[in-house]
Amino acid sequence: MSALDPNIAGQLAEDLSPDVFRMIIATFEEDLTRLVKELETAVLTGDQDGYERAAHSLAGASAAVGAVGLERESRIAMDHRQPEPAATVLPRLLTEAKAALEALHDLIN
């Protein structure tokens, strides 16, 4: 399964100028870096609310660029009712984040 929804990410790449698309990817990458740090810090400090808030923000950012795998893992992380501990979800989320960034950068080239 692709890290990106081609209907969303492909449409963005097609409809936007290359400069605007690069700017969106750069902004997403900055947000992703910040939110991953927030997630990791929340896990280390046991801050469940902070963990869920960061995951919620990441889910929205991921949806906006079509990063479906990252959005899925973020939605799992933000749901306090799901039984998986953060220590299980976070590594998958990080893997999806890396795959999404690589796929987005591939659309630029």
N, C-alpha and C. Protein backbone atom coordinates (compact mmCIF):
# COMPACT_ATOMS: atom_id res chain seq x y z
N MET A 1 0.83 -1.18 0.00
CA MET A 1 0.00 0.00 0.00
C MET A 1 0.88 1.25 0.00
N SER A 2 0.51 2.20 -0.81
CA SER A 2 1.27 3.44 -0.92
C SER A 2 1.10 4.29 0.34
N ALA A 3 2.13 5.05 0.65
CA ALA A 3 2.06 5.95 1.80
C ALA A 3 1.12 7.12 1.54
N LEU A 4 0.83 7.37 0.25
CA LEU A 4 0.00 8.51 -0.12
C LEU A 4 -1.25 8.07 -0.86
N ASP A 5 -2.30 8.81 -0.68
CA ASP A 5 -3.50 8.65 -1.47
C ASP A 5 -3.26 9.43 -2.76
N PRO A 6 -3.17 8.76 -3.90
CA PRO A 6 -2.86 9.46 -5.15
C PRO A 6 -3.92 10.48 -5.54
N ASN A 7 -5.14 10.28 -5.09
CA ASN A 7 -6.19 11.24 -5.41
C ASN A 7 -5.96 12.58 -4.72
N ILE A 8 -5.39 12.55 -3.54
CA ILE A 8 -5.15 13.80 -2.80
C ILE A 8 -3.77 14.36 -3.14
N ALA A 9 -2.72 13.58 -2.87
CA ALA A 9 -1.36 14.07 -3.09
C ALA A 9 -1.10 14.36 -4.56
N GLY A 10 -1.57 13.46 -5.43
CA GLY A 10 -1.37 13.67 -6.86
C GLY A 10 -2.09 14.90 -7.35
N GLN A 11 -3.29 15.12 -6.84
CA GLN A 11 -4.06 16.30 -7.24
C GLN A 11 -3.37 17.58 -6.79
N LEU A 12 -2.83 17.57 -5.57
CA LEU A 12 -2.09 18.74 -5.10
C LEU A 12 -0.89 19.02 -6.01
N ALA A 13 -0.14 17.96 -6.32
CA ALA A 13 1.04 18.13 -7.17
C ALA A 13 0.65 18.62 -8.56
N GLU A 14 -0.49 18.18 -9.03
CA GLU A 14 -0.95 18.56 -10.37
C GLU A 14 -1.51 19.98 -10.40
N ASP A 15 -2.30 20.33 -9.40
CA ASP A 15 -3.02 21.60 -9.42
C ASP A 15 -2.19 22.80 -8.98
N LEU A 16 -1.21 22.57 -8.15
CA LEU A 16 -0.42 23.67 -7.60
C LEU A 16 0.86 23.85 -8.41
N SER A 17 1.35 25.08 -8.39
CA SER A 17 2.65 25.32 -9.03
C SER A 17 3.71 24.55 -8.25
N PRO A 18 4.81 24.20 -8.91
CA PRO A 18 5.87 23.46 -8.20
C PRO A 18 6.37 24.19 -6.95
N ASP A 19 6.47 25.51 -7.02
CA ASP A 19 6.95 26.26 -5.85
C ASP A 19 5.97 26.18 -4.68
N VAL A 20 4.70 26.30 -4.97
CA VAL A 20 3.68 26.22 -3.91
C VAL A 20 3.65 24.81 -3.33
N PHE A 21 3.73 23.80 -4.20
CA PHE A 21 3.73 22.42 -3.72
C PHE A 21 4.94 22.15 -2.83
N ARG A 22 6.11 22.65 -3.23
CA ARG A 22 7.32 22.51 -2.40
C ARG A 22 7.13 23.17 -1.05
N MET A 23 6.49 24.34 -1.05
CA MET A 23 6.25 25.07 0.20
C MET A 23 5.32 24.26 1.11
N ILE A 24 4.29 23.65 0.54
CA ILE A 24 3.37 22.83 1.33
C ILE A 24 4.11 21.64 1.93
N ILE A 25 4.94 21.00 1.14
CA ILE A 25 5.70 19.86 1.65
C ILE A 25 6.67 20.30 2.74
N ALA A 26 7.33 21.44 2.55
CA ALA A 26 8.26 21.94 3.56
C ALA A 26 7.52 22.26 4.86
N THR A 27 6.35 22.86 4.75
CA THR A 27 5.55 23.17 5.93
C THR A 27 5.11 21.89 6.63
N PHE A 28 4.66 20.92 5.84
CA PHE A 28 4.26 19.63 6.41
C PHE A 28 5.44 18.98 7.13
N GLU A 29 6.61 19.04 6.51
CA GLU A 29 7.80 18.44 7.13
C GLU A 29 8.15 19.13 8.45
N GLU A 30 8.04 20.45 8.50
CA GLU A 30 8.29 21.19 9.74
C GLU A 30 7.27 20.79 10.81
N ASP A 31 6.00 20.76 10.42
CA ASP A 31 4.96 20.36 11.37
C ASP A 31 5.18 18.93 11.85
N LEU A 32 5.51 18.06 10.93
CA LEU A 32 5.75 16.66 11.26
C LEU A 32 6.89 16.53 12.28
N THR A 33 7.97 17.23 12.05
CA THR A 33 9.12 17.19 12.96
C THR A 33 8.71 17.67 14.35
N ARG A 34 8.00 18.77 14.42
CA ARG A 34 7.56 19.33 15.71
C ARG A 34 6.59 18.38 16.41
N LEU A 35 5.63 17.86 15.67
CA LEU A 35 4.62 17.00 16.29
C LEU A 35 5.19 15.66 16.74
N VAL A 36 6.12 15.12 15.99
CA VAL A 36 6.77 13.87 16.42
C VAL A 36 7.53 14.10 17.73
N LYS A 37 8.21 15.24 17.84
CA LYS A 37 8.91 15.55 19.08
C LYS A 37 7.92 15.67 20.24
N GLU A 38 6.77 16.30 19.98
CA GLU A 38 5.75 16.41 21.01
C GLU A 38 5.23 15.04 21.42
N LEU A 39 5.02 14.17 20.44
CA LEU A 39 4.57 12.80 20.74
C LEU A 39 5.59 12.06 21.59
N GLU A 40 6.84 12.13 21.18
CA GLU A 40 7.90 11.43 21.92
C GLU A 40 8.03 11.96 23.34
N THR A 41 7.97 13.28 23.49
CA THR A 41 8.06 13.88 24.83
C THR A 41 6.87 13.46 25.69
N ALA A 42 5.69 13.46 25.09
CA ALA A 42 4.49 13.06 25.83
C ALA A 42 4.59 11.61 26.29
N VAL A 43 5.12 10.75 25.44
CA VAL A 43 5.29 9.34 25.82
C VAL A 43 6.27 9.23 26.99
N LEU A 44 7.40 9.94 26.89
CA LEU A 44 8.41 9.88 27.94
C LEU A 44 7.91 10.42 29.28
N THR A 45 7.06 11.44 29.23
CA THR A 45 6.59 12.06 30.47
C THR A 45 5.24 11.53 30.94
N GLY A 46 4.66 10.63 30.17
CA GLY A 46 3.37 10.07 30.54
C GLY A 46 2.21 11.05 30.37
N ASP A 47 2.37 12.01 29.47
CA ASP A 47 1.35 13.03 29.23
C ASP A 47 0.37 12.54 28.17
N GLN A 48 -0.65 11.82 28.58
CA GLN A 48 -1.62 11.24 27.64
C GLN A 48 -2.37 12.32 26.86
N ASP A 49 -2.75 13.40 27.53
CA ASP A 49 -3.46 14.49 26.84
C ASP A 49 -2.58 15.12 25.77
N GLY A 50 -1.33 15.37 26.10
CA GLY A 50 -0.39 15.94 25.13
C GLY A 50 -0.16 14.99 23.96
N TYR A 51 -0.08 13.72 24.25
CA TYR A 51 0.09 12.69 23.22
C TYR A 51 -1.10 12.70 22.26
N GLU A 52 -2.29 12.73 22.81
CA GLU A 52 -3.50 12.71 21.98
C GLU A 52 -3.65 14.02 21.19
N ARG A 53 -3.29 15.15 21.79
CA ARG A 53 -3.36 16.44 21.08
C ARG A 53 -2.40 16.46 19.90
N ALA A 54 -1.17 16.03 20.12
CA ALA A 54 -0.18 16.01 19.03
C ALA A 54 -0.61 15.04 17.94
N ALA A 55 -1.15 13.89 18.33
CA ALA A 55 -1.62 12.90 17.35
C ALA A 55 -2.79 13.47 16.54
N HIS A 56 -3.67 14.20 17.20
CA HIS A 56 -4.80 14.81 16.51
C HIS A 56 -4.31 15.82 15.47
N SER A 57 -3.37 16.66 15.85
CA SER A 57 -2.81 17.63 14.91
C SER A 57 -2.12 16.94 13.74
N LEU A 58 -1.41 15.87 14.04
CA LEU A 58 -0.71 15.13 12.99
C LEU A 58 -1.69 14.44 12.06
N ALA A 59 -2.79 13.94 12.58
CA ALA A 59 -3.81 13.31 11.74
C ALA A 59 -4.36 14.32 10.74
N GLY A 60 -4.64 15.52 11.20
CA GLY A 60 -5.17 16.56 10.31
C GLY A 60 -4.17 16.97 9.25
N ALA A 61 -2.93 17.17 9.64
CA ALA A 61 -1.89 17.55 8.68
C ALA A 61 -1.67 16.45 7.65
N SER A 62 -1.69 15.22 8.11
CA SER A 62 -1.50 14.07 7.21
C SER A 62 -2.64 13.95 6.21
N ALA A 63 -3.85 14.15 6.69
CA ALA A 63 -5.01 14.08 5.80
C ALA A 63 -4.94 15.14 4.72
N ALA A 64 -4.44 16.32 5.07
CA ALA A 64 -4.38 17.43 4.13
C ALA A 64 -3.46 17.15 2.94
N VAL A 65 -2.42 16.35 3.16
CA VAL A 65 -1.49 16.04 2.05
C VAL A 65 -1.70 14.63 1.50
N GLY A 66 -2.66 13.91 2.05
CA GLY A 66 -2.95 12.57 1.54
C GLY A 66 -2.05 11.47 2.08
N ALA A 67 -1.41 11.72 3.22
CA ALA A 67 -0.54 10.71 3.84
C ALA A 67 -1.41 9.73 4.63
N VAL A 68 -2.00 8.78 3.92
CA VAL A 68 -3.04 7.92 4.51
C VAL A 68 -2.53 7.00 5.61
N GLY A 69 -1.36 6.42 5.45
CA GLY A 69 -0.82 5.55 6.49
C GLY A 69 -0.50 6.31 7.76
N LEU A 70 0.07 7.49 7.60
CA LEU A 70 0.40 8.33 8.74
C LEU A 70 -0.87 8.84 9.41
N GLU A 71 -1.85 9.19 8.61
CA GLU A 71 -3.14 9.61 9.19
C GLU A 71 -3.76 8.46 10.00
N ARG A 72 -3.73 7.26 9.44
CA ARG A 72 -4.31 6.10 10.14
C ARG A 72 -3.63 5.88 11.49
N GLU A 73 -2.30 5.88 11.51
CA GLU A 73 -1.58 5.65 12.76
C GLU A 73 -1.80 6.81 13.74
N SER A 74 -1.91 8.02 13.23
CA SER A 74 -2.16 9.17 14.09
C SER A 74 -3.54 9.07 14.74
N ARG A 75 -4.51 8.61 13.97
CA ARG A 75 -5.87 8.46 14.52
C ARG A 75 -5.92 7.35 15.58
N ILE A 76 -5.13 6.32 15.40
CA ILE A 76 -5.03 5.29 16.45
C ILE A 76 -4.44 5.90 17.71
N ALA A 77 -3.37 6.69 17.53
CA ALA A 77 -2.70 7.30 18.69
C ALA A 77 -3.61 8.28 19.42
N MET A 78 -4.46 9.00 18.71
CA MET A 78 -5.27 10.02 19.37
C MET A 78 -6.51 9.45 20.06
N ASP A 79 -6.79 8.18 19.85
CA ASP A 79 -7.98 7.56 20.43
C ASP A 79 -7.62 6.89 21.75
N HIS A 80 -7.97 7.53 22.84
CA HIS A 80 -7.62 7.00 24.17
C HIS A 80 -8.34 5.69 24.49
N ARG A 81 -9.33 5.33 23.69
CA ARG A 81 -10.07 4.08 23.94
C ARG A 81 -9.40 2.87 23.30
N GLN A 82 -8.48 3.10 22.38
CA GLN A 82 -7.85 1.95 21.71
C GLN A 82 -6.84 1.32 22.66
N PRO A 83 -6.69 0.01 22.59
CA PRO A 83 -5.90 -0.71 23.59
C PRO A 83 -4.38 -0.71 23.37
N GLU A 84 -3.92 -0.24 22.22
CA GLU A 84 -2.49 -0.31 21.95
C GLU A 84 -1.74 0.79 22.69
N PRO A 85 -0.68 0.43 23.39
CA PRO A 85 0.10 1.45 24.10
C PRO A 85 0.90 2.30 23.12
N ALA A 86 1.22 3.50 23.55
CA ALA A 86 1.99 4.42 22.72
C ALA A 86 3.31 3.81 22.26
N ALA A 87 3.91 2.99 23.10
CA ALA A 87 5.19 2.37 22.75
C ALA A 87 5.06 1.44 21.55
N THR A 88 3.86 0.97 21.28
CA THR A 88 3.60 0.11 20.11
C THR A 88 3.23 0.95 18.90
N VAL A 89 2.43 1.98 19.12
CA VAL A 89 1.94 2.81 18.02
C VAL A 89 3.03 3.74 17.48
N LEU A 90 3.80 4.34 18.36
CA LEU A 90 4.78 5.35 17.95
C LEU A 90 5.78 4.86 16.91
N PRO A 91 6.37 3.68 17.05
CA PRO A 91 7.30 3.22 16.00
C PRO A 91 6.62 3.07 14.63
N ARG A 92 5.39 2.59 14.61
CA ARG A 92 4.67 2.48 13.34
C ARG A 92 4.39 3.86 12.76
N LEU A 93 4.03 4.78 13.63
CA LEU A 93 3.77 6.15 13.20
C LEU A 93 5.03 6.76 12.58
N LEU A 94 6.16 6.53 13.21
CA LEU A 94 7.42 7.07 12.68
C LEU A 94 7.78 6.46 11.33
N THR A 95 7.51 5.18 11.17
CA THR A 95 7.74 4.51 9.89
C THR A 95 6.86 5.11 8.80
N GLU A 96 5.60 5.33 9.13
CA GLU A 96 4.67 5.94 8.17
C GLU A 96 5.07 7.38 7.85
N ALA A 97 5.57 8.11 8.83
CA ALA A 97 6.01 9.49 8.61
C ALA A 97 7.15 9.52 7.60
N LYS A 98 8.11 8.64 7.78
CA LYS A 98 9.25 8.58 6.86
C LYS A 98 8.78 8.22 5.45
N ALA A 99 7.90 7.24 5.35
CA ALA A 99 7.40 6.82 4.03
C ALA A 99 6.62 7.94 3.36
N ALA A 100 5.83 8.67 4.13
CA ALA A 100 5.05 9.78 3.56
C ALA A 100 5.96 10.87 3.04
N LEU A 101 6.97 11.23 3.81
CA LEU A 101 7.90 12.28 3.35
C LEU A 101 8.64 11.86 2.09
N GLU A 102 9.09 10.62 2.05
CA GLU A 102 9.78 10.14 0.85
C GLU A 102 8.86 10.19 -0.36
N ALA A 103 7.62 9.75 -0.19
CA ALA A 103 6.67 9.75 -1.30
C ALA A 103 6.34 11.17 -1.75
N LEU A 104 6.20 12.08 -0.80
CA LEU A 104 5.92 13.48 -1.16
C LEU A 104 7.11 14.09 -1.91
N HIS A 105 8.31 13.81 -1.45
CA HIS A 105 9.49 14.33 -2.13
C HIS A 105 9.63 13.73 -3.52
N ASP A 106 9.22 12.49 -3.69
CA ASP A 106 9.24 11.87 -5.02
C ASP A 106 8.32 12.60 -5.99
N LEU A 107 7.22 13.14 -5.48
CA LEU A 107 6.28 13.87 -6.35
C LEU A 107 6.88 15.17 -6.85
N ILE A 108 7.82 15.71 -6.12
CA ILE A 108 8.49 16.96 -6.55
C ILE A 108 9.41 16.68 -7.72
N ASN A 109 10.07 15.56 -7.66
CA ASN A 109 11.10 15.24 -8.67
C ASN A 109 10.51 14.65 -9.92
